[in-house]
Amino acid sequence: MKKAYYLKTCSTCIRILKNLNLPPEFILQDIKTEEITTKQLEEMKTLAGSYEALFSKRAKLYKEMDLKNQQLEERDYKQYILEHYTFLSRPVIIIDDAIFIGNSNKTVEAIKLHLGEN
């Protein structure tokens, strides 16, 4: 599977996707207009190792809900991501059995490297 979960209104996501120049076989899913399903999130978790790895602690709602001061467990991370798209660290790019989460330069370089190998 070749898929990118992103936010069309996020300039960072758009810049990264444009910079990566993903091949046409990639499926792009705008997580605001097409919500993440439980099955999709579970697939991401299998590749990432945990729901926490997929969770964005930089989300505005994270601060507003004061989640920083709560003891969150895996089921909580899953629930929050399914309830509101902003809790997914983005973009999430899946290339076969590899998952790349977030927008750090290191992650973007790892995606480029992986795409070059395929």
N, C-alpha and C. Protein backbone atom coordinates (compact mmCIF):
# COMPACT_ATOMS: atom_id res chain seq x y z
N MET A 1 0.85 -1.18 0.00
CA MET A 1 0.00 0.00 0.00
C MET A 1 0.89 1.24 0.00
N LYS A 2 0.48 2.21 -0.76
CA LYS A 2 1.16 3.50 -0.80
C LYS A 2 0.11 4.56 -0.53
N LYS A 3 0.20 5.16 0.66
CA LYS A 3 -0.84 6.08 1.08
C LYS A 3 -0.27 7.21 1.92
N ALA A 4 -0.89 8.38 1.78
CA ALA A 4 -0.50 9.54 2.58
C ALA A 4 -1.75 10.10 3.25
N TYR A 5 -1.70 10.19 4.57
CA TYR A 5 -2.76 10.83 5.35
C TYR A 5 -2.25 12.24 5.65
N TYR A 6 -3.03 13.23 5.24
CA TYR A 6 -2.57 14.61 5.39
C TYR A 6 -3.76 15.52 5.60
N LEU A 7 -3.47 16.79 5.77
CA LEU A 7 -4.50 17.80 5.94
C LEU A 7 -4.32 18.83 4.83
N LYS A 8 -5.34 18.96 3.99
CA LYS A 8 -5.27 19.85 2.83
C LYS A 8 -5.07 21.31 3.24
N THR A 9 -5.51 21.66 4.44
CA THR A 9 -5.39 23.04 4.91
C THR A 9 -4.08 23.29 5.66
N CYS A 10 -3.24 22.28 5.74
CA CYS A 10 -1.96 22.42 6.45
C CYS A 10 -0.86 22.71 5.43
N SER A 11 -0.31 23.91 5.51
CA SER A 11 0.70 24.31 4.53
C SER A 11 1.96 23.43 4.63
N THR A 12 2.28 22.97 5.82
CA THR A 12 3.44 22.09 5.99
C THR A 12 3.22 20.76 5.28
N CYS A 13 2.04 20.18 5.44
CA CYS A 13 1.71 18.92 4.76
C CYS A 13 1.81 19.09 3.24
N ILE A 14 1.22 20.16 2.74
CA ILE A 14 1.21 20.42 1.30
C ILE A 14 2.64 20.59 0.79
N ARG A 15 3.44 21.35 1.51
CA ARG A 15 4.84 21.59 1.11
C ARG A 15 5.61 20.27 1.06
N ILE A 16 5.42 19.44 2.07
CA ILE A 16 6.13 18.15 2.12
C ILE A 16 5.69 17.25 0.97
N LEU A 17 4.39 17.14 0.75
CA LEU A 17 3.90 16.27 -0.33
C LEU A 17 4.40 16.75 -1.69
N LYS A 18 4.41 18.06 -1.88
CA LYS A 18 4.89 18.63 -3.13
C LYS A 18 6.39 18.33 -3.30
N ASN A 19 7.13 18.50 -2.22
CA ASN A 19 8.57 18.28 -2.21
C ASN A 19 8.92 16.81 -2.48
N LEU A 20 8.08 15.90 -1.99
CA LEU A 20 8.33 14.47 -2.17
C LEU A 20 8.03 14.01 -3.59
N ASN A 21 7.13 14.73 -4.26
CA ASN A 21 6.77 14.36 -5.63
C ASN A 21 6.36 12.88 -5.70
N LEU A 22 5.36 12.53 -4.90
CA LEU A 22 4.93 11.14 -4.79
C LEU A 22 4.42 10.59 -6.12
N PRO A 23 4.74 9.34 -6.41
CA PRO A 23 4.27 8.72 -7.64
C PRO A 23 2.73 8.65 -7.68
N PRO A 24 2.16 8.56 -8.88
CA PRO A 24 0.69 8.58 -9.02
C PRO A 24 -0.05 7.44 -8.33
N GLU A 25 0.64 6.33 -8.03
CA GLU A 25 -0.06 5.21 -7.36
C GLU A 25 -0.35 5.49 -5.89
N PHE A 26 0.15 6.60 -5.37
CA PHE A 26 -0.13 6.97 -3.98
C PHE A 26 -1.57 7.43 -3.84
N ILE A 27 -2.21 6.96 -2.77
CA ILE A 27 -3.56 7.40 -2.42
C ILE A 27 -3.40 8.51 -1.39
N LEU A 28 -3.97 9.67 -1.67
CA LEU A 28 -3.92 10.79 -0.73
C LEU A 28 -5.26 10.90 -0.03
N GLN A 29 -5.23 10.93 1.29
CA GLN A 29 -6.46 11.05 2.06
C GLN A 29 -6.40 12.28 2.94
N ASP A 30 -7.26 13.25 2.62
CA ASP A 30 -7.38 14.46 3.44
C ASP A 30 -8.20 14.05 4.67
N ILE A 31 -7.56 14.03 5.83
CA ILE A 31 -8.21 13.49 7.03
C ILE A 31 -9.32 14.38 7.58
N LYS A 32 -9.43 15.60 7.05
CA LYS A 32 -10.52 16.47 7.50
C LYS A 32 -11.81 16.14 6.74
N THR A 33 -11.69 15.87 5.45
CA THR A 33 -12.89 15.59 4.65
C THR A 33 -13.22 14.09 4.60
N GLU A 34 -12.21 13.26 4.79
CA GLU A 34 -12.42 11.81 4.81
C GLU A 34 -11.81 11.26 6.10
N GLU A 35 -12.66 11.14 7.11
CA GLU A 35 -12.19 10.75 8.44
C GLU A 35 -11.46 9.41 8.43
N ILE A 36 -10.52 9.31 9.35
CA ILE A 36 -9.77 8.07 9.53
C ILE A 36 -10.70 7.04 10.14
N THR A 37 -10.70 5.84 9.59
CA THR A 37 -11.53 4.77 10.15
C THR A 37 -10.75 4.05 11.24
N THR A 38 -11.47 3.30 12.05
CA THR A 38 -10.83 2.51 13.10
C THR A 38 -9.85 1.52 12.47
N LYS A 39 -10.26 0.90 11.36
CA LYS A 39 -9.41 -0.07 10.68
C LYS A 39 -8.12 0.59 10.19
N GLN A 40 -8.23 1.78 9.58
CA GLN A 40 -7.05 2.50 9.10
C GLN A 40 -6.10 2.83 10.25
N LEU A 41 -6.68 3.31 11.35
CA LEU A 41 -5.86 3.67 12.50
C LEU A 41 -5.17 2.44 13.09
N GLU A 42 -5.88 1.32 13.13
CA GLU A 42 -5.29 0.08 13.65
C GLU A 42 -4.14 -0.39 12.75
N GLU A 43 -4.30 -0.21 11.43
CA GLU A 43 -3.22 -0.56 10.49
C GLU A 43 -2.00 0.33 10.73
N MET A 44 -2.24 1.63 10.95
CA MET A 44 -1.15 2.55 11.22
C MET A 44 -0.44 2.17 12.52
N LYS A 45 -1.23 1.80 13.53
CA LYS A 45 -0.68 1.43 14.85
C LYS A 45 0.20 0.19 14.73
N THR A 46 -0.23 -0.77 13.92
CA THR A 46 0.55 -1.99 13.72
C THR A 46 1.93 -1.65 13.17
N LEU A 47 1.97 -0.73 12.21
CA LEU A 47 3.26 -0.33 11.61
C LEU A 47 4.07 0.57 12.54
N ALA A 48 3.38 1.45 13.28
CA ALA A 48 4.07 2.42 14.14
C ALA A 48 4.48 1.84 15.50
N GLY A 49 3.77 0.81 15.94
CA GLY A 49 4.09 0.20 17.23
C GLY A 49 3.20 0.66 18.36
N SER A 50 2.61 1.86 18.23
CA SER A 50 1.71 2.35 19.29
C SER A 50 0.85 3.48 18.74
N TYR A 51 -0.24 3.74 19.45
CA TYR A 51 -1.09 4.89 19.09
C TYR A 51 -0.39 6.18 19.51
N GLU A 52 0.37 6.11 20.58
CA GLU A 52 1.08 7.30 21.05
C GLU A 52 2.04 7.83 19.98
N ALA A 53 2.66 6.93 19.23
CA ALA A 53 3.59 7.33 18.16
C ALA A 53 2.87 8.13 17.07
N LEU A 54 1.57 7.91 16.93
CA LEU A 54 0.77 8.59 15.92
C LEU A 54 0.13 9.87 16.44
N PHE A 55 0.21 10.09 17.73
CA PHE A 55 -0.50 11.17 18.40
C PHE A 55 0.31 12.46 18.39
N SER A 56 -0.35 13.55 18.05
CA SER A 56 0.32 14.86 18.03
C SER A 56 0.11 15.59 19.34
N LYS A 57 1.20 15.80 20.05
CA LYS A 57 1.12 16.57 21.29
C LYS A 57 1.27 18.06 21.01
N ARG A 58 1.38 18.40 19.72
CA ARG A 58 1.46 19.80 19.32
C ARG A 58 0.08 20.34 18.90
N ALA A 59 -0.92 19.49 18.90
CA ALA A 59 -2.27 19.90 18.50
C ALA A 59 -2.81 20.96 19.47
N LYS A 60 -3.51 21.91 18.91
CA LYS A 60 -4.10 22.99 19.72
C LYS A 60 -5.03 22.42 20.80
N LEU A 61 -5.81 21.41 20.42
CA LEU A 61 -6.75 20.79 21.36
C LEU A 61 -6.02 20.10 22.52
N TYR A 62 -4.81 19.62 22.27
CA TYR A 62 -4.03 18.96 23.32
C TYR A 62 -3.81 19.94 24.47
N LYS A 63 -3.47 21.17 24.10
CA LYS A 63 -3.25 22.21 25.11
C LYS A 63 -4.57 22.67 25.74
N GLU A 64 -5.57 22.89 24.87
CA GLU A 64 -6.87 23.38 25.35
C GLU A 64 -7.53 22.40 26.33
N MET A 65 -7.38 21.11 26.07
CA MET A 65 -8.00 20.09 26.93
C MET A 65 -7.10 19.72 28.11
N ASP A 66 -5.94 20.36 28.20
CA ASP A 66 -4.98 20.11 29.27
C ASP A 66 -4.61 18.63 29.38
N LEU A 67 -4.43 17.99 28.23
CA LEU A 67 -4.10 16.57 28.22
C LEU A 67 -2.68 16.31 28.71
N LYS A 68 -1.85 17.33 28.66
CA LYS A 68 -0.46 17.22 29.12
C LYS A 68 -0.40 16.79 30.58
N ASN A 69 -1.38 17.22 31.34
CA ASN A 69 -1.41 16.93 32.77
C ASN A 69 -2.27 15.72 33.13
N GLN A 70 -2.61 14.93 32.11
CA GLN A 70 -3.38 13.71 32.35
C GLN A 70 -2.53 12.49 32.01
N GLN A 71 -2.82 11.40 32.65
CA GLN A 71 -2.11 10.15 32.39
C GLN A 71 -2.84 9.42 31.26
N LEU A 72 -2.35 9.58 30.04
CA LEU A 72 -3.01 8.97 28.89
C LEU A 72 -2.47 7.57 28.63
N GLU A 73 -3.36 6.69 28.25
CA GLU A 73 -2.99 5.31 27.91
C GLU A 73 -3.25 5.10 26.43
N GLU A 74 -2.81 3.96 25.91
CA GLU A 74 -2.96 3.67 24.48
C GLU A 74 -4.41 3.84 24.00
N ARG A 75 -5.36 3.35 24.77
CA ARG A 75 -6.77 3.46 24.35
C ARG A 75 -7.21 4.93 24.28
N ASP A 76 -6.63 5.77 25.14
CA ASP A 76 -6.95 7.20 25.12
C ASP A 76 -6.42 7.84 23.84
N TYR A 77 -5.17 7.52 23.50
CA TYR A 77 -4.60 8.07 22.26
C TYR A 77 -5.44 7.67 21.06
N LYS A 78 -5.83 6.40 21.01
CA LYS A 78 -6.66 5.90 19.91
C LYS A 78 -7.98 6.67 19.85
N GLN A 79 -8.63 6.80 20.99
CA GLN A 79 -9.93 7.47 21.07
C GLN A 79 -9.83 8.92 20.59
N TYR A 80 -8.82 9.65 21.06
CA TYR A 80 -8.66 11.06 20.68
C TYR A 80 -8.39 11.22 19.18
N ILE A 81 -7.55 10.35 18.63
CA ILE A 81 -7.26 10.43 17.19
C ILE A 81 -8.53 10.18 16.38
N LEU A 82 -9.32 9.20 16.80
CA LEU A 82 -10.56 8.89 16.08
C LEU A 82 -11.60 10.00 16.24
N GLU A 83 -11.60 10.66 17.40
CA GLU A 83 -12.58 11.72 17.66
C GLU A 83 -12.27 13.01 16.91
N HIS A 84 -10.98 13.34 16.78
CA HIS A 84 -10.65 14.60 16.11
C HIS A 84 -9.35 14.47 15.32
N TYR A 85 -9.43 14.78 14.04
CA TYR A 85 -8.31 14.59 13.11
C TYR A 85 -7.03 15.34 13.53
N THR A 86 -7.15 16.43 14.27
CA THR A 86 -5.95 17.20 14.61
C THR A 86 -5.02 16.45 15.55
N PHE A 87 -5.50 15.38 16.18
CA PHE A 87 -4.65 14.61 17.08
C PHE A 87 -3.71 13.65 16.33
N LEU A 88 -3.91 13.50 15.03
CA LEU A 88 -3.00 12.65 14.26
C LEU A 88 -1.79 13.48 13.86
N SER A 89 -0.62 13.01 14.21
CA SER A 89 0.61 13.67 13.80
C SER A 89 0.70 13.51 12.28
N ARG A 90 0.92 14.61 11.57
CA ARG A 90 0.85 14.50 10.12
C ARG A 90 2.02 15.18 9.44
N PRO A 91 2.22 14.78 8.20
CA PRO A 91 1.52 13.71 7.48
C PRO A 91 1.97 12.33 7.96
N VAL A 92 1.13 11.34 7.66
CA VAL A 92 1.50 9.94 7.88
C VAL A 92 1.59 9.34 6.48
N ILE A 93 2.76 8.83 6.17
CA ILE A 93 2.96 8.24 4.85
C ILE A 93 3.32 6.78 5.03
N ILE A 94 2.57 5.93 4.31
CA ILE A 94 2.80 4.49 4.37
C ILE A 94 3.27 4.03 3.00
N ILE A 95 4.41 3.36 3.00
CA ILE A 95 4.95 2.78 1.78
C ILE A 95 5.17 1.30 2.07
N ASP A 96 4.25 0.49 1.56
CA ASP A 96 4.27 -0.95 1.82
C ASP A 96 4.25 -1.22 3.34
N ASP A 97 5.34 -1.74 3.90
CA ASP A 97 5.36 -2.05 5.34
C ASP A 97 6.10 -0.99 6.16
N ALA A 98 6.38 0.15 5.56
CA ALA A 98 7.09 1.22 6.26
C ALA A 98 6.14 2.38 6.53
N ILE A 99 6.26 2.96 7.72
CA ILE A 99 5.42 4.11 8.07
C ILE A 99 6.32 5.27 8.46
N PHE A 100 5.94 6.45 8.01
CA PHE A 100 6.67 7.67 8.31
C PHE A 100 5.68 8.66 8.91
N ILE A 101 5.99 9.14 10.10
CA ILE A 101 5.03 9.97 10.85
C ILE A 101 5.63 11.33 11.13
N GLY A 102 4.89 12.36 10.78
CA GLY A 102 5.28 13.71 11.14
C GLY A 102 6.03 14.45 10.05
N ASN A 103 6.47 15.66 10.43
CA ASN A 103 7.02 16.56 9.42
C ASN A 103 8.46 16.99 9.71
N SER A 104 9.16 16.24 10.53
CA SER A 104 10.55 16.61 10.80
C SER A 104 11.41 16.40 9.55
N ASN A 105 12.49 17.15 9.46
CA ASN A 105 13.40 17.01 8.32
C ASN A 105 13.93 15.59 8.22
N LYS A 106 14.19 14.99 9.37
CA LYS A 106 14.70 13.61 9.42
C LYS A 106 13.69 12.64 8.80
N THR A 107 12.42 12.82 9.12
CA THR A 107 11.37 11.96 8.58
C THR A 107 11.25 12.15 7.07
N VAL A 108 11.25 13.39 6.62
CA VAL A 108 11.13 13.69 5.18
C VAL A 108 12.31 13.08 4.42
N GLU A 109 13.50 13.19 4.97
CA GLU A 109 14.69 12.61 4.33
C GLU A 109 14.59 11.08 4.28
N ALA A 110 14.04 10.48 5.34
CA ALA A 110 13.86 9.02 5.37
C ALA A 110 12.86 8.57 4.29
N ILE A 111 11.83 9.36 4.08
CA ILE A 111 10.84 9.04 3.02
C ILE A 111 11.52 9.12 1.66
N LYS A 112 12.28 10.18 1.42
CA LYS A 112 12.97 10.36 0.14
C LYS A 112 13.91 9.18 -0.11
N LEU A 113 14.63 8.79 0.92
CA LEU A 113 15.55 7.66 0.81
C LEU A 113 14.80 6.37 0.46
N HIS A 114 13.69 6.16 1.15
CA HIS A 114 12.87 4.97 0.91
C HIS A 114 12.29 4.96 -0.51
N LEU A 115 11.81 6.10 -0.96
CA LEU A 115 11.25 6.19 -2.31
C LEU A 115 12.33 5.94 -3.36
N GLY A 116 13.54 6.36 -3.08
CA GLY A 116 14.64 6.15 -4.01
C GLY A 116 15.04 4.70 -4.14
N GLU A 117 14.76 3.93 -3.08
CA GLU A 117 15.12 2.50 -3.09
C GLU A 117 14.08 1.66 -3.82
N ASN A 118 12.87 2.19 -3.95
CA ASN A 118 11.79 1.39 -4.57
C ASN A 118 11.69 1.67 -6.05
